[in-house]
Every structure is written in C-alpha cells, then in structure tokens.
Amino acid sequence: MDHIDRQIVNILQKNARTPLKVIAEKAYLSSPAVSARIERLEKAGIITGYSAEINVEKLGYHIMAFINLEVQPKQKSQFYPFIEACPNVLECNCVTGQFSMLIKVAFNSTVELDQFIGRLQDYGRTSTQIVFSTPVGPRGIQVLDEEEENRGGKE
C-alpha cells in the first residue's frame, strides 16, 4: 500500500458512500484510477466490505452489554455455529485471560438479555457488563505510513 491507497482507505472508513469523484479530487487521481485502486484493495482483502452504521437504540435495543464467557476448547465446534446464529450478537471475539470469549450484544430489555445469558451458560461461566454510555463508538483505524507512525501519527 502506498500513501494514496492509505488515503483512500481512510476516506472510505469515514464514509463508505464517498463518491469516486470526491475521492479522486482528494487523491489527485482520475475516478477510474481510484476505482481500480479500490478494486485492488478489495481483492487484497484490505477492504472487506461496506456497511451502514445503525443507531440500535432508535430501533428499540436499549440494552447493550459485553458478556465474558468461559468456553472449553472442545466446545468451540458447537459454540461457534450457535453464537453466529444469534441475531442480537453484534460481535464475538476469542480473547486471552480468565474468559475465552468476549461477546457484544444488544437487546430490547434486561429480561431478554437474562434469557440469552441463560442459554450461553450451557457453554460455560459468564460475567456480564451492561453499557451505560459509549463515549467512543465503533470506528476505523487510521492507516498511517511509516513516516507518520514514527512521528506518532501527528500531522
């Protein structure tokens, strides 16, 4: 990736609907050149998809929580299909530490969250933290070049 690719990735992370023409102007390229670079970044697996950010609260999901789950390695083959099929699971990460899974969920009520935790406990011990607020929401990573990294990302 060169500095233009990094610039394109940063722009698309901020707004995946940015028109090619706008990206081209910022990168000092033609629209077809930007399109070709984006296609190359997709084929390389750097850009893996495009999505809309949704305000889950406005959809009635007022309970956001992080659930730690202790899953034994032999249970993972059954656990992974289960957790992938749960529509309220926003994210599931295999992590280090006392628990092996960190699961981010959104529910309409604490009753629904409690029922879900009950099903999770078939796989192991849980510990749950309910989110009060989110001062920094999900965001992309700023793609820096080597020179910027050496300066600590300060421009």
C-alpha atoms as a PDB file:
ATOM      1  CA  MET A   1       0.000   0.000   0.000  1.00  0.00           C
ATOM      2  CA  ASP A   2       1.279   3.414  -0.891  1.00  0.00           C
ATOM      3  CA  HIS A   3       0.212   6.755   0.581  1.00  0.00           C
ATOM      4  CA  ILE A   4      -2.627   7.130  -1.948  1.00  0.00           C
ATOM      5  CA  ASP A   5      -4.061   3.712  -1.014  1.00  0.00           C
ATOM      6  CA  ARG A   6      -3.885   4.716   2.658  1.00  0.00           C
ATOM      7  CA  GLN A   7      -5.650   7.977   1.881  1.00  0.00           C
ATOM      8  CA  ILE A   8      -8.420   6.111   0.014  1.00  0.00           C
ATOM      9  CA  VAL A   9      -8.877   3.633   2.883  1.00  0.00           C
ATOM     10  CA  ASN A  10      -9.066   6.473   5.427  1.00  0.00           C
ATOM     11  CA  ILE A  11     -11.673   8.310   3.342  1.00  0.00           C
ATOM     12  CA  LEU A  12     -13.807   5.183   2.881  1.00  0.00           C
ATOM     13  CA  GLN A  13     -13.651   4.342   6.585  1.00  0.00           C
ATOM     14  CA  LYS A  14     -15.078   7.766   7.419  1.00  0.00           C
ATOM     15  CA  ASN A  15     -17.810   7.453   4.780  1.00  0.00           C
ATOM     16  CA  ALA A  16     -18.048   4.405   2.515  1.00  0.00           C
ATOM     17  CA  ARG A  17     -20.505   6.312   0.330  1.00  0.00           C
ATOM     18  CA  THR A  18     -17.992   8.991  -0.622  1.00  0.00           C
ATOM     19  CA  PRO A  19     -18.329   9.422  -4.391  1.00  0.00           C
ATOM     20  CA  LEU A  20     -15.384   8.327  -6.543  1.00  0.00           C
ATOM     21  CA  LYS A  21     -15.188  11.859  -7.906  1.00  0.00           C
ATOM     22  CA  VAL A  22     -14.618  13.302  -4.399  1.00  0.00           C
ATOM     23  CA  ILE A  23     -12.011  10.654  -3.565  1.00  0.00           C
ATOM     24  CA  ALA A  24     -10.303  11.314  -6.896  1.00  0.00           C
ATOM     25  CA  GLU A  25     -10.117  15.047  -6.172  1.00  0.00           C
ATOM     26  CA  LYS A  26      -8.609  14.455  -2.729  1.00  0.00           C
ATOM     27  CA  ALA A  27      -6.101  11.903  -4.050  1.00  0.00           C
ATOM     28  CA  TYR A  28      -5.285  13.879  -7.226  1.00  0.00           C
ATOM     29  CA  LEU A  29      -6.273  10.925  -9.440  1.00  0.00           C
ATOM     30  CA  SER A  30      -8.918  10.196 -12.037  1.00  0.00           C
ATOM     31  CA  SER A  31     -12.109   8.418 -10.983  1.00  0.00           C
ATOM     32  CA  PRO A  32     -11.168   5.269 -12.998  1.00  0.00           C
ATOM     33  CA  ALA A  33      -7.759   5.195 -11.253  1.00  0.00           C
ATOM     34  CA  VAL A  34      -9.451   5.417  -7.835  1.00  0.00           C
ATOM     35  CA  SER A  35     -11.909   2.695  -8.832  1.00  0.00           C
ATOM     36  CA  ALA A  36      -9.029   0.427  -9.901  1.00  0.00           C
ATOM     37  CA  ARG A  37      -7.200   1.045  -6.613  1.00  0.00           C
ATOM     38  CA  ILE A  38     -10.346   0.273  -4.589  1.00  0.00           C
ATOM     39  CA  GLU A  39     -10.855  -2.942  -6.546  1.00  0.00           C
ATOM     40  CA  ARG A  40      -7.222  -3.923  -5.883  1.00  0.00           C
ATOM     41  CA  LEU A  41      -7.644  -3.167  -2.151  1.00  0.00           C
ATOM     42  CA  GLU A  42     -10.783  -5.342  -2.090  1.00  0.00           C
ATOM     43  CA  LYS A  43      -9.026  -8.228  -3.872  1.00  0.00           C
ATOM     44  CA  ALA A  44      -6.109  -7.952  -1.416  1.00  0.00           C
ATOM     45  CA  GLY A  45      -8.560  -8.302   1.477  1.00  0.00           C
ATOM     46  CA  ILE A  46      -7.742  -4.872   2.902  1.00  0.00           C
ATOM     47  CA  ILE A  47     -11.249  -3.600   2.215  1.00  0.00           C
ATOM     48  CA  THR A  48     -13.535  -6.426   3.298  1.00  0.00           C
ATOM     49  CA  GLY A  49     -16.956  -4.830   2.911  1.00  0.00           C
ATOM     50  CA  TYR A  50     -19.180  -1.792   3.211  1.00  0.00           C
ATOM     51  CA  SER A  51     -21.957  -1.242   5.711  1.00  0.00           C
ATOM     52  CA  ALA A  52     -24.224   1.348   7.266  1.00  0.00           C
ATOM     53  CA  GLU A  53     -23.804   2.333  10.910  1.00  0.00           C
ATOM     54  CA  ILE A  54     -27.115   1.874  12.701  1.00  0.00           C
ATOM     55  CA  ASN A  55     -28.325   3.532  15.905  1.00  0.00           C
ATOM     56  CA  VAL A  56     -29.572   0.402  17.703  1.00  0.00           C
ATOM     57  CA  GLU A  57     -31.313   2.455  20.415  1.00  0.00           C
ATOM     58  CA  LYS A  58     -33.598   4.059  17.829  1.00  0.00           C
ATOM     59  CA  LEU A  59     -34.568   0.526  16.789  1.00  0.00           C
ATOM     60  CA  GLY A  60     -35.584  -0.290  20.371  1.00  0.00           C
ATOM     61  CA  TYR A  61     -32.415  -2.074  21.518  1.00  0.00           C
ATOM     62  CA  HIS A  62     -31.833  -0.113  24.732  1.00  0.00           C
ATOM     63  CA  ILE A  63     -29.672  -2.707  26.493  1.00  0.00           C
ATOM     64  CA  MET A  64     -26.095  -3.022  25.219  1.00  0.00           C
ATOM     65  CA  ALA A  65     -23.816  -5.411  27.077  1.00  0.00           C
ATOM     66  CA  PHE A  66     -20.490  -7.191  26.966  1.00  0.00           C
ATOM     67  CA  ILE A  67     -20.561 -10.790  28.106  1.00  0.00           C
ATOM     68  CA  ASN A  68     -17.445 -12.713  29.062  1.00  0.00           C
ATOM     69  CA  LEU A  69     -17.849 -16.447  28.515  1.00  0.00           C
ATOM     70  CA  GLU A  70     -15.564 -19.268  29.551  1.00  0.00           C
ATOM     71  CA  VAL A  71     -15.782 -21.841  26.723  1.00  0.00           C
ATOM     72  CA  GLN A  72     -13.735 -25.019  26.838  1.00  0.00           C
ATOM     73  CA  PRO A  73     -11.765 -25.668  23.623  1.00  0.00           C
ATOM     74  CA  LYS A  74     -13.694 -28.893  22.931  1.00  0.00           C
ATOM     75  CA  GLN A  75     -16.978 -26.904  22.948  1.00  0.00           C
ATOM     76  CA  LYS A  76     -15.936 -24.372  20.322  1.00  0.00           C
ATOM     77  CA  SER A  77     -17.143 -26.503  17.391  1.00  0.00           C
ATOM     78  CA  GLN A  78     -20.685 -26.384  18.849  1.00  0.00           C
ATOM     79  CA  PHE A  79     -20.431 -22.846  20.244  1.00  0.00           C
ATOM     80  CA  TYR A  80     -19.362 -21.053  17.046  1.00  0.00           C
ATOM     81  CA  PRO A  81     -22.446 -22.040  14.982  1.00  0.00           C
ATOM     82  CA  PHE A  82     -24.699 -21.208  17.965  1.00  0.00           C
ATOM     83  CA  ILE A  83     -23.268 -17.728  18.506  1.00  0.00           C
ATOM     84  CA  GLU A  84     -23.179 -16.922  14.790  1.00  0.00           C
ATOM     85  CA  ALA A  85     -26.907 -17.692  14.534  1.00  0.00           C
ATOM     86  CA  CYS A  86     -27.850 -15.289  17.367  1.00  0.00           C
ATOM     87  CA  PRO A  87     -29.172 -12.062  15.784  1.00  0.00           C
ATOM     88  CA  ASN A  88     -28.600  -9.968  18.926  1.00  0.00           C
ATOM     89  CA  VAL A  89     -24.878 -10.745  18.921  1.00  0.00           C
ATOM     90  CA  LEU A  90     -23.091  -7.760  17.399  1.00  0.00           C
ATOM     91  CA  GLU A  91     -19.599  -9.162  17.851  1.00  0.00           C
ATOM     92  CA  CYS A  92     -17.889 -12.213  19.321  1.00  0.00           C
ATOM     93  CA  ASN A  93     -14.152 -12.324  19.969  1.00  0.00           C
ATOM     94  CA  CYS A  94     -11.930 -15.150  21.189  1.00  0.00           C
ATOM     95  CA  VAL A  95      -9.732 -13.469  23.829  1.00  0.00           C
ATOM     96  CA  THR A  96      -6.982 -14.125  26.344  1.00  0.00           C
ATOM     97  CA  GLY A  97      -7.478 -14.072  30.078  1.00  0.00           C
ATOM     98  CA  GLN A  98      -9.835 -15.709  32.541  1.00  0.00           C
ATOM     99  CA  PHE A  99     -12.635 -15.928  29.944  1.00  0.00           C
ATOM    100  CA  SER A 100     -12.185 -17.175  26.384  1.00  0.00           C
ATOM    101  CA  MET A 101     -14.941 -15.204  24.626  1.00  0.00           C
ATOM    102  CA  LEU A 102     -15.992 -11.549  24.722  1.00  0.00           C
ATOM    103  CA  ILE A 103     -19.449 -11.050  23.227  1.00  0.00           C
ATOM    104  CA  LYS A 104     -21.089  -7.703  22.439  1.00  0.00           C
ATOM    105  CA  VAL A 105     -24.890  -7.867  22.383  1.00  0.00           C
ATOM    106  CA  ALA A 106     -27.919  -5.579  22.061  1.00  0.00           C
ATOM    107  CA  PHE A 107     -31.364  -6.392  23.475  1.00  0.00           C
ATOM    108  CA  ASN A 108     -34.712  -4.668  23.956  1.00  0.00           C
ATOM    109  CA  SER A 109     -34.819  -5.488  27.669  1.00  0.00           C
ATOM    110  CA  THR A 110     -32.864  -6.938  30.564  1.00  0.00           C
ATOM    111  CA  VAL A 111     -35.316  -9.854  30.572  1.00  0.00           C
ATOM    112  CA  GLU A 112     -34.229 -10.805  27.036  1.00  0.00           C
ATOM    113  CA  LEU A 113     -30.566 -10.340  27.998  1.00  0.00           C
ATOM    114  CA  ASP A 114     -31.069 -12.594  31.026  1.00  0.00           C
ATOM    115  CA  GLN A 115     -32.667 -15.308  28.870  1.00  0.00           C
ATOM    116  CA  PHE A 116     -29.780 -15.134  26.419  1.00  0.00           C
ATOM    117  CA  ILE A 117     -27.213 -15.396  29.219  1.00  0.00           C
ATOM    118  CA  GLY A 118     -29.073 -18.479  30.457  1.00  0.00           C
ATOM    119  CA  ARG A 119     -28.546 -20.126  27.042  1.00  0.00           C
ATOM    120  CA  LEU A 120     -24.890 -19.043  26.987  1.00  0.00           C
ATOM    121  CA  GLN A 121     -24.324 -20.731  30.341  1.00  0.00           C
ATOM    122  CA  ASP A 122     -24.816 -24.080  28.600  1.00  0.00           C
ATOM    123  CA  TYR A 123     -21.316 -23.400  27.250  1.00  0.00           C
ATOM    124  CA  GLY A 124     -19.680 -22.129  30.437  1.00  0.00           C
ATOM    125  CA  ARG A 125     -19.432 -19.497  33.141  1.00  0.00           C
ATOM    126  CA  THR A 126     -20.345 -15.894  32.269  1.00  0.00           C
ATOM    127  CA  SER A 127     -19.682 -12.389  33.538  1.00  0.00           C
ATOM    128  CA  THR A 128     -21.738  -9.510  32.125  1.00  0.00           C
ATOM    129  CA  GLN A 129     -21.232  -5.758  31.989  1.00  0.00           C
ATOM    130  CA  ILE A 130     -24.147  -3.572  30.868  1.00  0.00           C
ATOM    131  CA  VAL A 131     -23.137  -0.441  28.952  1.00  0.00           C
ATOM    132  CA  PHE A 132     -24.236   2.895  30.447  1.00  0.00           C
ATOM    133  CA  SER A 133     -22.781   5.084  27.691  1.00  0.00           C
ATOM    134  CA  THR A 134     -20.343   4.942  24.785  1.00  0.00           C
ATOM    135  CA  PRO A 135     -18.028   7.967  24.674  1.00  0.00           C
ATOM    136  CA  VAL A 136     -16.172   6.473  21.670  1.00  0.00           C
ATOM    137  CA  GLY A 137     -18.216   4.291  19.349  1.00  0.00           C
ATOM    138  CA  PRO A 138     -17.036   1.847  16.695  1.00  0.00           C
ATOM    139  CA  ARG A 139     -14.623   3.432  14.270  1.00  0.00           C
ATOM    140  CA  GLY A 140     -11.995   2.513  11.723  1.00  0.00           C
ATOM    141  CA  ILE A 141      -8.279   2.529  12.257  1.00  0.00           C
ATOM    142  CA  GLN A 142      -6.265   5.430  10.874  1.00  0.00           C
ATOM    143  CA  VAL A 143      -3.968   3.972   8.242  1.00  0.00           C
ATOM    144  CA  LEU A 144      -0.576   5.650   8.632  1.00  0.00           C
ATOM    145  CA  ASP A 145       2.543   5.362   6.533  1.00  0.00           C
ATOM    146  CA  GLU A 146       5.888   4.524   8.156  1.00  0.00           C
ATOM    147  CA  GLU A 147       6.933   8.164   8.473  1.00  0.00           C
ATOM    148  CA  GLU A 148       3.659   9.109  10.216  1.00  0.00           C
ATOM    149  CA  GLU A 149       3.935   6.079  12.550  1.00  0.00           C
ATOM    150  CA  ASN A 150       7.433   7.165  13.562  1.00  0.00           C
ATOM    151  CA  ARG A 151       6.051  10.607  14.459  1.00  0.00           C
ATOM    152  CA  GLY A 152       3.274   9.011  16.498  1.00  0.00           C
ATOM    153  CA  GLY A 153       0.539   9.771  13.951  1.00  0.00           C
ATOM    154  CA  LYS A 154       0.858  13.537  14.394  1.00  0.00           C
ATOM    155  CA  GLU A 155       0.398  15.636  11.279  1.00  0.00           C
END
